[in-house]
C-alpha atoms as a PDB file:
ATOM      1  CA  MET A   1       0.000   0.000   0.000  1.00  0.00           C
ATOM      2  CA  LYS A   2       1.237   3.508  -0.810  1.00  0.00           C
ATOM      3  CA  GLN A   3       2.526   5.404   2.210  1.00  0.00           C
ATOM      4  CA  ILE A   4       0.789   8.727   2.848  1.00  0.00           C
ATOM      5  CA  ASP A   5       3.212  11.060   4.623  1.00  0.00           C
ATOM      6  CA  LEU A   6       1.611  14.207   6.021  1.00  0.00           C
ATOM      7  CA  ARG A   7       4.506  15.262   8.265  1.00  0.00           C
ATOM      8  CA  SER A   8       5.953  17.842   5.863  1.00  0.00           C
ATOM      9  CA  ASP A   9       6.338  18.803   2.219  1.00  0.00           C
ATOM     10  CA  THR A  10      10.057  18.024   2.601  1.00  0.00           C
ATOM     11  CA  VAL A  11       9.359  14.291   2.253  1.00  0.00           C
ATOM     12  CA  THR A  12       8.680  14.341  -1.494  1.00  0.00           C
ATOM     13  CA  ARG A  13      10.688  12.209  -3.884  1.00  0.00           C
ATOM     14  CA  PRO A  14      11.819  13.357  -7.336  1.00  0.00           C
ATOM     15  CA  THR A  15       9.647  12.258 -10.225  1.00  0.00           C
ATOM     16  CA  GLN A  16      11.028  10.200 -13.091  1.00  0.00           C
ATOM     17  CA  LYS A  17      11.181  13.290 -15.323  1.00  0.00           C
ATOM     18  CA  MET A  18      13.062  15.222 -12.664  1.00  0.00           C
ATOM     19  CA  LEU A  19      15.526  12.351 -12.293  1.00  0.00           C
ATOM     20  CA  GLU A  20      16.026  12.294 -16.049  1.00  0.00           C
ATOM     21  CA  ALA A  21      16.784  16.030 -16.019  1.00  0.00           C
ATOM     22  CA  MET A  22      19.321  15.461 -13.241  1.00  0.00           C
ATOM     23  CA  MET A  23      21.009  12.626 -15.121  1.00  0.00           C
ATOM     24  CA  ALA A  24      21.290  14.711 -18.282  1.00  0.00           C
ATOM     25  CA  ALA A  25      22.616  17.873 -16.601  1.00  0.00           C
ATOM     26  CA  PRO A  26      25.945  19.277 -17.854  1.00  0.00           C
ATOM     27  CA  VAL A  27      28.211  19.892 -14.868  1.00  0.00           C
ATOM     28  CA  GLY A  28      31.440  21.604 -13.905  1.00  0.00           C
ATOM     29  CA  ASP A  29      33.170  22.814 -10.758  1.00  0.00           C
ATOM     30  CA  ASP A  30      30.802  25.301  -9.157  1.00  0.00           C
ATOM     31  CA  VAL A  31      33.426  26.587  -6.704  1.00  0.00           C
ATOM     32  CA  TYR A  32      35.269  27.838  -9.811  1.00  0.00           C
ATOM     33  CA  GLY A  33      31.945  29.158 -11.148  1.00  0.00           C
ATOM     34  CA  GLU A  34      32.107  26.611 -13.978  1.00  0.00           C
ATOM     35  CA  ASP A  35      28.996  24.517 -13.460  1.00  0.00           C
ATOM     36  CA  PRO A  36      26.658  25.593 -16.292  1.00  0.00           C
ATOM     37  CA  THR A  37      23.545  24.111 -14.704  1.00  0.00           C
ATOM     38  CA  VAL A  38      24.137  25.851 -11.379  1.00  0.00           C
ATOM     39  CA  ASN A  39      24.768  29.098 -13.221  1.00  0.00           C
ATOM     40  CA  GLN A  40      21.526  28.661 -15.155  1.00  0.00           C
ATOM     41  CA  LEU A  41      19.572  27.930 -11.969  1.00  0.00           C
ATOM     42  CA  GLU A  42      20.969  31.014 -10.253  1.00  0.00           C
ATOM     43  CA  GLN A  43      20.184  33.222 -13.247  1.00  0.00           C
ATOM     44  CA  THR A  44      16.669  31.778 -13.526  1.00  0.00           C
ATOM     45  CA  ALA A  45      15.947  32.233  -9.820  1.00  0.00           C
ATOM     46  CA  ALA A  46      17.229  35.811  -9.891  1.00  0.00           C
ATOM     47  CA  GLU A  47      15.042  36.668 -12.876  1.00  0.00           C
ATOM     48  CA  MET A  48      11.952  35.016 -11.379  1.00  0.00           C
ATOM     49  CA  THR A  49      12.324  36.911  -8.105  1.00  0.00           C
ATOM     50  CA  GLY A  50      13.218  40.220  -9.751  1.00  0.00           C
ATOM     51  CA  MET A  51      16.674  40.251  -8.169  1.00  0.00           C
ATOM     52  CA  ALA A  52      20.081  40.936  -9.718  1.00  0.00           C
ATOM     53  CA  ASP A  53      21.759  37.705  -8.620  1.00  0.00           C
ATOM     54  CA  ALA A  54      21.254  34.423  -6.763  1.00  0.00           C
ATOM     55  CA  LEU A  55      23.237  31.759  -4.931  1.00  0.00           C
ATOM     56  CA  PHE A  56      22.479  28.016  -4.869  1.00  0.00           C
ATOM     57  CA  CYS A  57      22.878  26.491  -1.401  1.00  0.00           C
ATOM     58  CA  ALA A  58      22.417  23.090   0.170  1.00  0.00           C
ATOM     59  CA  SER A  59      19.405  24.037   2.297  1.00  0.00           C
ATOM     60  CA  GLY A  60      17.107  26.782   3.484  1.00  0.00           C
ATOM     61  CA  THR A  61      18.992  26.807   6.769  1.00  0.00           C
ATOM     62  CA  GLN A  62      22.163  27.605   4.826  1.00  0.00           C
ATOM     63  CA  THR A  63      20.570  30.349   2.711  1.00  0.00           C
ATOM     64  CA  ASN A  64      19.129  31.995   5.817  1.00  0.00           C
ATOM     65  CA  LEU A  65      22.434  31.674   7.668  1.00  0.00           C
ATOM     66  CA  VAL A  66      24.546  33.244   4.934  1.00  0.00           C
ATOM     67  CA  ALA A  67      21.889  35.958   4.566  1.00  0.00           C
ATOM     68  CA  LEU A  68      22.197  36.846   8.260  1.00  0.00           C
ATOM     69  CA  LEU A  69      25.991  36.803   8.033  1.00  0.00           C
ATOM     70  CA  SER A  70      25.912  38.996   4.914  1.00  0.00           C
ATOM     71  CA  HIS A  71      23.512  41.570   6.357  1.00  0.00           C
ATOM     72  CA  CYS A  72      24.911  41.797   9.898  1.00  0.00           C
ATOM     73  CA  GLN A  73      28.289  42.083  11.585  1.00  0.00           C
ATOM     74  CA  ARG A  74      29.312  40.859  15.041  1.00  0.00           C
ATOM     75  CA  GLY A  75      27.374  42.572  17.788  1.00  0.00           C
ATOM     76  CA  GLU A  76      24.507  43.587  15.527  1.00  0.00           C
ATOM     77  CA  GLU A  77      20.918  42.424  15.734  1.00  0.00           C
ATOM     78  CA  TYR A  78      18.041  41.107  13.651  1.00  0.00           C
ATOM     79  CA  ILE A  79      14.343  41.389  14.512  1.00  0.00           C
ATOM     80  CA  VAL A  80      12.460  38.165  13.867  1.00  0.00           C
ATOM     81  CA  GLY A  81       9.367  36.182  14.847  1.00  0.00           C
ATOM     82  CA  GLN A  82       9.460  34.114  18.024  1.00  0.00           C
ATOM     83  CA  THR A  83       8.652  30.894  16.139  1.00  0.00           C
ATOM     84  CA  ALA A  84      10.288  31.873  12.834  1.00  0.00           C
ATOM     85  CA  HIS A  85      12.550  29.319  11.209  1.00  0.00           C
ATOM     86  CA  THR A  86      15.456  31.774  11.134  1.00  0.00           C
ATOM     87  CA  TYR A  87      15.263  32.077  14.922  1.00  0.00           C
ATOM     88  CA  LYS A  88      13.861  28.861  16.399  1.00  0.00           C
ATOM     89  CA  TYR A  89      14.659  26.039  13.998  1.00  0.00           C
ATOM     90  CA  GLU A  90      18.166  26.709  12.651  1.00  0.00           C
ATOM     91  CA  ALA A  91      20.286  25.756  15.684  1.00  0.00           C
ATOM     92  CA  GLY A  92      21.080  29.363  16.576  1.00  0.00           C
ATOM     93  CA  GLY A  93      23.497  29.647  13.651  1.00  0.00           C
ATOM     94  CA  GLY A  94      23.428  33.435  13.424  1.00  0.00           C
ATOM     95  CA  ALA A  95      24.316  33.789  17.102  1.00  0.00           C
ATOM     96  CA  VAL A  96      26.826  30.932  17.228  1.00  0.00           C
ATOM     97  CA  LEU A  97      28.673  31.575  13.968  1.00  0.00           C
ATOM     98  CA  GLY A  98      28.097  35.301  13.443  1.00  0.00           C
ATOM     99  CA  SER A  99      27.736  36.697  16.979  1.00  0.00           C
ATOM    100  CA  ILE A 100      24.486  38.244  15.716  1.00  0.00           C
ATOM    101  CA  GLN A 101      21.872  38.904  18.386  1.00  0.00           C
ATOM    102  CA  PRO A 102      18.271  37.909  17.619  1.00  0.00           C
ATOM    103  CA  GLN A 103      15.413  40.050  18.900  1.00  0.00           C
ATOM    104  CA  PRO A 104      12.415  37.697  18.724  1.00  0.00           C
ATOM    105  CA  LEU A 105       8.851  39.055  18.817  1.00  0.00           C
ATOM    106  CA  ASP A 106       5.536  37.220  18.951  1.00  0.00           C
ATOM    107  CA  PHE A 107       3.725  36.628  15.687  1.00  0.00           C
ATOM    108  CA  ALA A 108       0.175  37.879  15.346  1.00  0.00           C
ATOM    109  CA  ASP A 109      -2.492  35.308  14.508  1.00  0.00           C
ATOM    110  CA  ASP A 110      -2.179  36.134  10.801  1.00  0.00           C
ATOM    111  CA  GLY A 111       1.586  35.453  10.697  1.00  0.00           C
ATOM    112  CA  THR A 112       2.627  39.111  10.702  1.00  0.00           C
ATOM    113  CA  LEU A 113       4.809  40.964  13.189  1.00  0.00           C
ATOM    114  CA  ASP A 114       3.049  44.031  14.561  1.00  0.00           C
ATOM    115  CA  LEU A 115       4.921  46.936  12.985  1.00  0.00           C
ATOM    116  CA  ALA A 116       4.418  49.283  15.945  1.00  0.00           C
ATOM    117  CA  THR A 117       6.025  46.651  18.152  1.00  0.00           C
ATOM    118  CA  VAL A 118       8.851  46.136  15.658  1.00  0.00           C
ATOM    119  CA  GLU A 119       9.501  49.883  15.640  1.00  0.00           C
ATOM    120  CA  ARG A 120       9.525  49.973  19.444  1.00  0.00           C
ATOM    121  CA  PHE A 121      12.185  47.264  19.586  1.00  0.00           C
ATOM    122  CA  ILE A 122      14.583  48.941  17.153  1.00  0.00           C
ATOM    123  CA  LYS A 123      17.485  49.949  19.398  1.00  0.00           C
ATOM    124  CA  PRO A 124      18.590  53.578  19.671  1.00  0.00           C
ATOM    125  CA  ASP A 125      22.079  54.535  18.498  1.00  0.00           C
ATOM    126  CA  ASP A 126      23.684  53.983  21.903  1.00  0.00           C
ATOM    127  CA  PHE A 127      26.729  51.867  22.703  1.00  0.00           C
ATOM    128  CA  HIS A 128      24.769  50.077  25.439  1.00  0.00           C
ATOM    129  CA  PHE A 129      22.783  48.229  22.781  1.00  0.00           C
ATOM    130  CA  ALA A 130      23.365  45.914  19.884  1.00  0.00           C
ATOM    131  CA  ARG A 131      22.827  47.858  16.668  1.00  0.00           C
ATOM    132  CA  THR A 132      19.581  46.810  14.985  1.00  0.00           C
ATOM    133  CA  ARG A 133      20.552  46.000  11.410  1.00  0.00           C
ATOM    134  CA  LEU A 134      17.982  43.606   9.901  1.00  0.00           C
ATOM    135  CA  PHE A 135      14.237  42.917   9.855  1.00  0.00           C
ATOM    136  CA  CYS A 136      13.186  39.354   8.917  1.00  0.00           C
ATOM    137  CA  LEU A 137       9.786  38.059   7.867  1.00  0.00           C
ATOM    138  CA  GLU A 138       8.529  34.619   6.827  1.00  0.00           C
ATOM    139  CA  ASN A 139       6.065  33.935   3.983  1.00  0.00           C
ATOM    140  CA  THR A 140       4.191  31.683   4.245  1.00  0.00           C
ATOM    141  CA  GLN A 141       4.235  31.597   8.042  1.00  0.00           C
ATOM    142  CA  ALA A 142       2.796  28.314   9.320  1.00  0.00           C
ATOM    143  CA  GLY A 143       0.875  28.134   6.049  1.00  0.00           C
ATOM    144  CA  LYS A 144      -0.484  31.677   6.307  1.00  0.00           C
ATOM    145  CA  VAL A 145       0.059  34.202   3.501  1.00  0.00           C
ATOM    146  CA  LEU A 146       1.210  37.676   4.516  1.00  0.00           C
ATOM    147  CA  PRO A 147      -0.998  40.425   2.993  1.00  0.00           C
ATOM    148  CA  MET A 148       0.629  42.523   0.288  1.00  0.00           C
ATOM    149  CA  ALA A 149      -0.425  45.789   1.962  1.00  0.00           C
ATOM    150  CA  TYR A 150       1.352  44.659   5.129  1.00  0.00           C
ATOM    151  CA  LEU A 151       4.526  43.797   3.209  1.00  0.00           C
ATOM    152  CA  ARG A 152       4.593  47.258   1.651  1.00  0.00           C
ATOM    153  CA  GLN A 153       4.183  48.859   5.087  1.00  0.00           C
ATOM    154  CA  ALA A 154       6.984  46.666   6.466  1.00  0.00           C
ATOM    155  CA  ARG A 155       9.236  47.722   3.579  1.00  0.00           C
ATOM    156  CA  SER A 156       8.558  51.364   4.432  1.00  0.00           C
ATOM    157  CA  LEU A 157       9.441  50.748   8.073  1.00  0.00           C
ATOM    158  CA  ALA A 158      12.735  49.118   7.089  1.00  0.00           C
ATOM    159  CA  ASP A 159      13.543  52.043   4.818  1.00  0.00           C
ATOM    160  CA  ARG A 160      12.741  54.647   7.498  1.00  0.00           C
ATOM    161  CA  HIS A 161      15.152  53.024   9.912  1.00  0.00           C
ATOM    162  CA  GLY A 162      17.847  51.994   7.452  1.00  0.00           C
ATOM    163  CA  LEU A 163      17.332  48.286   8.095  1.00  0.00           C
ATOM    164  CA  GLY A 164      18.040  45.410   5.752  1.00  0.00           C
ATOM    165  CA  PHE A 165      14.886  43.457   4.913  1.00  0.00           C
ATOM    166  CA  HIS A 166      15.115  39.666   4.526  1.00  0.00           C
ATOM    167  CA  LEU A 167      12.403  37.169   3.639  1.00  0.00           C
ATOM    168  CA  ASP A 168      12.533  33.536   4.587  1.00  0.00           C
ATOM    169  CA  GLY A 169      10.496  32.582   1.553  1.00  0.00           C
ATOM    170  CA  ALA A 170      10.758  28.825   1.996  1.00  0.00           C
ATOM    171  CA  ARG A 171       7.184  28.602   0.666  1.00  0.00           C
ATOM    172  CA  VAL A 172       6.947  31.974  -1.064  1.00  0.00           C
ATOM    173  CA  PHE A 173       5.706  30.309  -4.250  1.00  0.00           C
ATOM    174  CA  ASN A 174       2.772  28.909  -2.249  1.00  0.00           C
ATOM    175  CA  ALA A 175       2.013  32.481  -1.192  1.00  0.00           C
ATOM    176  CA  ALA A 176       2.174  33.765  -4.767  1.00  0.00           C
ATOM    177  CA  VAL A 177      -0.066  30.972  -6.069  1.00  0.00           C
ATOM    178  CA  LYS A 178      -2.593  31.615  -3.311  1.00  0.00           C
ATOM    179  CA  LEU A 179      -2.659  35.349  -4.101  1.00  0.00           C
ATOM    180  CA  LYS A 180      -2.655  34.628  -7.871  1.00  0.00           C
ATOM    181  CA  ILE A 181       0.235  37.018  -8.476  1.00  0.00           C
ATOM    182  CA  ASP A 182       3.751  36.818  -9.895  1.00  0.00           C
ATOM    183  CA  VAL A 183       6.153  35.907  -7.088  1.00  0.00           C
ATOM    184  CA  LYS A 184       8.311  38.955  -7.839  1.00  0.00           C
ATOM    185  CA  GLU A 185       5.483  41.194  -6.570  1.00  0.00           C
ATOM    186  CA  ILE A 186       6.383  39.772  -3.154  1.00  0.00           C
ATOM    187  CA  THR A 187      10.121  39.271  -3.468  1.00  0.00           C
ATOM    188  CA  THR A 188      11.066  42.666  -4.903  1.00  0.00           C
ATOM    189  CA  LEU A 189       9.871  44.297  -1.673  1.00  0.00           C
ATOM    190  CA  PHE A 190      12.855  42.680   0.085  1.00  0.00           C
ATOM    191  CA  ASP A 191      16.624  43.126  -0.032  1.00  0.00           C
ATOM    192  CA  SER A 192      17.156  39.365   0.072  1.00  0.00           C
ATOM    193  CA  VAL A 193      14.953  36.298  -0.257  1.00  0.00           C
ATOM    194  CA  SER A 194      15.562  32.633   0.526  1.00  0.00           C
ATOM    195  CA  CYS A 195      13.507  30.321  -1.735  1.00  0.00           C
ATOM    196  CA  CYS A 196      13.383  26.623  -0.886  1.00  0.00           C
ATOM    197  CA  LEU A 197      13.333  24.158  -3.770  1.00  0.00           C
ATOM    198  CA  SER A 198      12.955  21.010  -1.660  1.00  0.00           C
ATOM    199  CA  LYS A 199       9.581  21.700  -0.040  1.00  0.00           C
ATOM    200  CA  GLY A 200       6.510  22.254  -2.195  1.00  0.00           C
ATOM    201  CA  LEU A 201       8.559  22.395  -5.386  1.00  0.00           C
ATOM    202  CA  GLY A 202       9.644  18.812  -4.841  1.00  0.00           C
ATOM    203  CA  THR A 203      13.413  18.719  -5.387  1.00  0.00           C
ATOM    204  CA  PRO A 204      15.577  16.402  -3.281  1.00  0.00           C
ATOM    205  CA  VAL A 205      18.008  19.126  -2.128  1.00  0.00           C
ATOM    206  CA  GLY A 206      18.559  22.847  -2.202  1.00  0.00           C
ATOM    207  CA  SER A 207      17.523  26.464  -1.782  1.00  0.00           C
ATOM    208  CA  VAL A 208      18.456  29.670  -3.566  1.00  0.00           C
ATOM    209  CA  LEU A 209      19.294  33.006  -1.951  1.00  0.00           C
ATOM    210  CA  CYS A 210      18.437  36.002  -4.135  1.00  0.00           C
ATOM    211  CA  GLY A 211      19.576  39.611  -3.799  1.00  0.00           C
ATOM    212  CA  SER A 212      21.804  42.317  -5.244  1.00  0.00           C
ATOM    213  CA  LYS A 213      25.144  41.593  -6.926  1.00  0.00           C
ATOM    214  CA  ASN A 214      27.141  42.926  -3.974  1.00  0.00           C
ATOM    215  CA  PHE A 215      24.994  41.079  -1.441  1.00  0.00           C
ATOM    216  CA  ILE A 216      25.345  37.744  -3.258  1.00  0.00           C
ATOM    217  CA  ALA A 217      29.110  38.272  -3.568  1.00  0.00           C
ATOM    218  CA  ARG A 218      29.294  38.543   0.236  1.00  0.00           C
ATOM    219  CA  ALA A 219      26.979  35.563   0.630  1.00  0.00           C
ATOM    220  CA  ARG A 220      29.128  33.462  -1.708  1.00  0.00           C
ATOM    221  CA  ARG A 221      32.135  34.028   0.567  1.00  0.00           C
ATOM    222  CA  TRP A 222      30.113  33.037   3.623  1.00  0.00           C
ATOM    223  CA  ARG A 223      28.756  29.955   1.827  1.00  0.00           C
ATOM    224  CA  LYS A 224      32.317  28.814   1.217  1.00  0.00           C
ATOM    225  CA  MET A 225      33.235  29.440   4.841  1.00  0.00           C
ATOM    226  CA  VAL A 226      30.365  27.323   6.179  1.00  0.00           C
ATOM    227  CA  GLY A 227      31.164  24.431   3.851  1.00  0.00           C
ATOM    228  CA  GLY A 228      28.668  25.105   1.087  1.00  0.00           C
ATOM    229  CA  GLY A 229      30.938  24.784  -1.956  1.00  0.00           C
ATOM    230  CA  MET A 230      29.419  21.732  -3.663  1.00  0.00           C
ATOM    231  CA  ARG A 231      31.600  21.287  -6.801  1.00  0.00           C
ATOM    232  CA  GLN A 232      29.621  19.417  -9.535  1.00  0.00           C
ATOM    233  CA  ALA A 233      26.327  20.559  -8.067  1.00  0.00           C
ATOM    234  CA  GLY A 234      24.594  20.802 -11.455  1.00  0.00           C
ATOM    235  CA  ILE A 235      23.090  17.373 -10.837  1.00  0.00           C
ATOM    236  CA  LEU A 236      21.138  18.957  -7.973  1.00  0.00           C
ATOM    237  CA  ALA A 237      20.605  22.301  -9.677  1.00  0.00           C
ATOM    238  CA  ALA A 238      18.915  20.526 -12.595  1.00  0.00           C
ATOM    239  CA  ALA A 239      16.194  19.360 -10.218  1.00  0.00           C
ATOM    240  CA  GLY A 240      15.687  22.976  -9.176  1.00  0.00           C
ATOM    241  CA  LEU A 241      15.403  24.131 -12.777  1.00  0.00           C
ATOM    242  CA  TYR A 242      12.877  21.404 -13.494  1.00  0.00           C
ATOM    243  CA  ALA A 243      10.870  22.375 -10.415  1.00  0.00           C
ATOM    244  CA  LEU A 244      10.808  26.077 -11.305  1.00  0.00           C
ATOM    245  CA  SER A 245       9.543  25.178 -14.786  1.00  0.00           C
ATOM    246  CA  HIS A 246       6.981  22.511 -13.856  1.00  0.00           C
ATOM    247  CA  ASN A 247       6.005  22.530 -10.172  1.00  0.00           C
ATOM    248  CA  ILE A 248       4.863  26.058  -9.294  1.00  0.00           C
ATOM    249  CA  ASP A 249       1.337  26.242 -10.727  1.00  0.00           C
ATOM    250  CA  ARG A 250       0.543  22.770  -9.389  1.00  0.00           C
ATOM    251  CA  LEU A 251       0.934  24.082  -5.815  1.00  0.00           C
ATOM    252  CA  ALA A 252      -2.745  24.998  -6.161  1.00  0.00           C
ATOM    253  CA  ASP A 253      -3.468  21.241  -6.093  1.00  0.00           C
ATOM    254  CA  ASP A 254      -1.761  20.991  -2.694  1.00  0.00           C
ATOM    255  CA  HIS A 255      -3.865  23.870  -1.400  1.00  0.00           C
ATOM    256  CA  ALA A 256      -7.043  22.171  -2.646  1.00  0.00           C
ATOM    257  CA  ASN A 257      -6.027  18.885  -1.033  1.00  0.00           C
ATOM    258  CA  ALA A 258      -5.352  20.652   2.272  1.00  0.00           C
ATOM    259  CA  ALA A 259      -8.866  22.130   2.134  1.00  0.00           C
ATOM    260  CA  ARG A 260     -10.255  18.650   1.362  1.00  0.00           C
ATOM    261  CA  LEU A 261      -8.337  17.198   4.321  1.00  0.00           C
ATOM    262  CA  ALA A 262      -9.576  19.952   6.643  1.00  0.00           C
ATOM    263  CA  GLU A 263     -13.172  19.377   5.566  1.00  0.00           C
ATOM    264  CA  GLY A 264     -12.921  15.640   6.168  1.00  0.00           C
ATOM    265  CA  LEU A 265     -11.259  15.962   9.560  1.00  0.00           C
ATOM    266  CA  SER A 266     -13.753  18.611  10.685  1.00  0.00           C
ATOM    267  CA  SER A 267     -16.510  15.993  10.374  1.00  0.00           C
ATOM    268  CA  ILE A 268     -14.890  14.075  13.256  1.00  0.00           C
ATOM    269  CA  ASP A 269     -16.079  15.407  16.639  1.00  0.00           C
ATOM    270  CA  ALA A 270     -12.721  14.964  18.384  1.00  0.00           C
ATOM    271  CA  ILE A 271     -10.791  16.963  15.759  1.00  0.00           C
ATOM    272  CA  HIS A 272     -10.901  20.747  15.688  1.00  0.00           C
ATOM    273  CA  VAL A 273      -9.374  22.358  12.610  1.00  0.00           C
ATOM    274  CA  ASP A 274      -8.253  25.981  12.774  1.00  0.00           C
ATOM    275  CA  GLU A 275     -10.051  27.312   9.699  1.00  0.00           C
ATOM    276  CA  LYS A 276      -8.346  30.734   9.991  1.00  0.00           C
ATOM    277  CA  THR A 277      -4.928  29.212   9.254  1.00  0.00           C
ATOM    278  CA  LEU A 278      -6.134  27.106   6.312  1.00  0.00           C
ATOM    279  CA  GLN A 279      -4.752  29.112   3.392  1.00  0.00           C
ATOM    280  CA  THR A 280      -2.167  27.022   1.577  1.00  0.00           C
ATOM    281  CA  ASN A 281      -0.891  23.470   2.098  1.00  0.00           C
ATOM    282  CA  MET A 282      -1.013  23.179   5.901  1.00  0.00           C
ATOM    283  CA  VAL A 283      -3.793  22.015   8.179  1.00  0.00           C
ATOM    284  CA  LEU A 284      -3.449  22.737  11.909  1.00  0.00           C
ATOM    285  CA  ALA A 285      -5.697  20.600  14.077  1.00  0.00           C
ATOM    286  CA  ASP A 286      -6.272  20.154  17.806  1.00  0.00           C
ATOM    287  CA  ILE A 287      -7.088  16.500  18.460  1.00  0.00           C
ATOM    288  CA  ASP A 288      -8.722  15.192  21.640  1.00  0.00           C
ATOM    289  CA  ALA A 289      -6.993  11.817  21.796  1.00  0.00           C
ATOM    290  CA  ASP A 290      -4.008   9.844  23.021  1.00  0.00           C
ATOM    291  CA  MET A 291      -1.718  11.161  20.313  1.00  0.00           C
ATOM    292  CA  GLN A 292       0.870   8.401  20.544  1.00  0.00           C
ATOM    293  CA  ALA A 293      -1.888   5.833  20.085  1.00  0.00           C
ATOM    294  CA  LEU A 294      -3.273   7.780  17.119  1.00  0.00           C
ATOM    295  CA  VAL A 295       0.157   8.062  15.485  1.00  0.00           C
ATOM    296  CA  LYS A 296       0.620   4.284  15.835  1.00  0.00           C
ATOM    297  CA  HIS A 297      -2.891   3.544  14.552  1.00  0.00           C
ATOM    298  CA  LEU A 298      -2.242   5.614  11.447  1.00  0.00           C
ATOM    299  CA  ALA A 299       1.274   4.236  10.942  1.00  0.00           C
ATOM    300  CA  ASP A 300      -0.168   0.719  10.917  1.00  0.00           C
ATOM    301  CA  ARG A 301      -2.211   1.904   7.934  1.00  0.00           C
ATOM    302  CA  ASP A 302       0.778   3.505   6.179  1.00  0.00           C
ATOM    303  CA  ILE A 303      -0.279   7.036   7.132  1.00  0.00           C
ATOM    304  CA  ARG A 304       2.388   9.154   8.831  1.00  0.00           C
ATOM    305  CA  ILE A 305       1.807  12.248  10.956  1.00  0.00           C
ATOM    306  CA  SER A 306       3.917  14.101  13.504  1.00  0.00           C
ATOM    307  CA  LEU A 307       3.186  14.496  17.184  1.00  0.00           C
ATOM    308  CA  GLY A 308       2.217  18.043  18.065  1.00  0.00           C
ATOM    309  CA  SER A 309      -0.310  20.348  19.648  1.00  0.00           C
ATOM    310  CA  PRO A 310      -1.770  21.423  17.350  1.00  0.00           C
ATOM    311  CA  VAL A 311      -0.892  18.724  14.845  1.00  0.00           C
ATOM    312  CA  ARG A 312       0.483  20.092  11.566  1.00  0.00           C
ATOM    313  CA  LEU A 313      -0.577  18.145   8.474  1.00  0.00           C
ATOM    314  CA  VAL A 314       1.073  19.133   5.195  1.00  0.00           C
ATOM    315  CA  THR A 315       0.005  18.266   1.648  1.00  0.00           C
ATOM    316  CA  HIS A 316       2.441  18.014  -1.269  1.00  0.00           C
ATOM    317  CA  LEU A 317       2.970  16.603  -4.759  1.00  0.00           C
ATOM    318  CA  ASP A 318       3.166  12.986  -3.547  1.00  0.00           C
ATOM    319  CA  ILE A 319      -0.398  13.187  -2.182  1.00  0.00           C
ATOM    320  CA  ASP A 320      -3.549  13.250  -4.312  1.00  0.00           C
ATOM    321  CA  ALA A 321      -7.267  13.490  -3.582  1.00  0.00           C
ATOM    322  CA  ALA A 322      -7.623   9.713  -3.171  1.00  0.00           C
ATOM    323  CA  ASP A 323      -4.852   9.762  -0.565  1.00  0.00           C
ATOM    324  CA  ILE A 324      -6.711  12.488   1.325  1.00  0.00           C
ATOM    325  CA  ASN A 325      -9.846  10.346   1.407  1.00  0.00           C
ATOM    326  CA  ARG A 326      -7.822   7.400   2.721  1.00  0.00           C
ATOM    327  CA  ALA A 327      -6.152   9.554   5.368  1.00  0.00           C
ATOM    328  CA  VAL A 328      -9.503  10.891   6.618  1.00  0.00           C
ATOM    329  CA  ALA A 329     -10.830   7.323   6.765  1.00  0.00           C
ATOM    330  CA  GLY A 330      -7.767   6.350   8.797  1.00  0.00           C
ATOM    331  CA  PHE A 331      -8.446   9.101  11.332  1.00  0.00           C
ATOM    332  CA  ARG A 332     -12.132   8.235  11.453  1.00  0.00           C
ATOM    333  CA  SER A 333     -11.445   4.540  12.091  1.00  0.00           C
ATOM    334  CA  PHE A 334      -9.405   5.454  15.181  1.00  0.00           C
ATOM    335  CA  PHE A 335     -12.316   7.333  16.745  1.00  0.00           C
END
């Protein structure tokens, strides 16, 4: 029986056509700048995001790390969400490797950071304080799409205070598809953007960091320093090129399947789906049950979920409408 994995959209496997593109990719030594497929991916990503240049990295953690290191110097600070990936889920890399102080703030229910609060936490020019240098947002944030009007206001705040403006856009293409706009309408509001290729876009490895020529030149040095020079990386970059050409519009299918999953689970009395957060490919659900028993029950039926409160269920290209129906039936049989 096919395994249905709802833990994350990072669990996807490359399709046969993606594998064929990887096998056929011309390669060279990327550290020398001689891998033609990496160069093509970086150029394509830069053009798609409306940026001047881009850098292919091993992961979203690495793109965010080299972005922090490129924006900030030792003893400087970035403002970020309390549960943002760049603060909570990347092993404290900015602080450990860059001596960059995070200033975490609570997210609002819609995934935004209150701009009045952000402004209040920007440090004055006083040697008692770390110098506030960077403002970071995340889009989508726990599946929620940040409103375009808010992003424009945030850009204005960054400009008023001379801050760099970075987007962890791990799922920014999900946001663009949901809003039915070109992704560059979002990305060009930022100084730098990290775009993950290995989540909803379905590649096995990789993210791209996009920004200005000077910014990417700094980031390239930091990538080398943290071990990100990958030599004949065109084999991996080819998957990214395939994904950017074939797997963006189909993200709408993942959003539809998430809505289908939410509807099915909501028919079970013990499951309470947060409808406000249901915007893209994530379903957040509070479940009145012994969660370890539920996880085992589902695993016995080749359905995988993570423990959590709420539980996060994520749809992706390896899951279709029939799989959603089977997953809902699996939950229902437990109760």
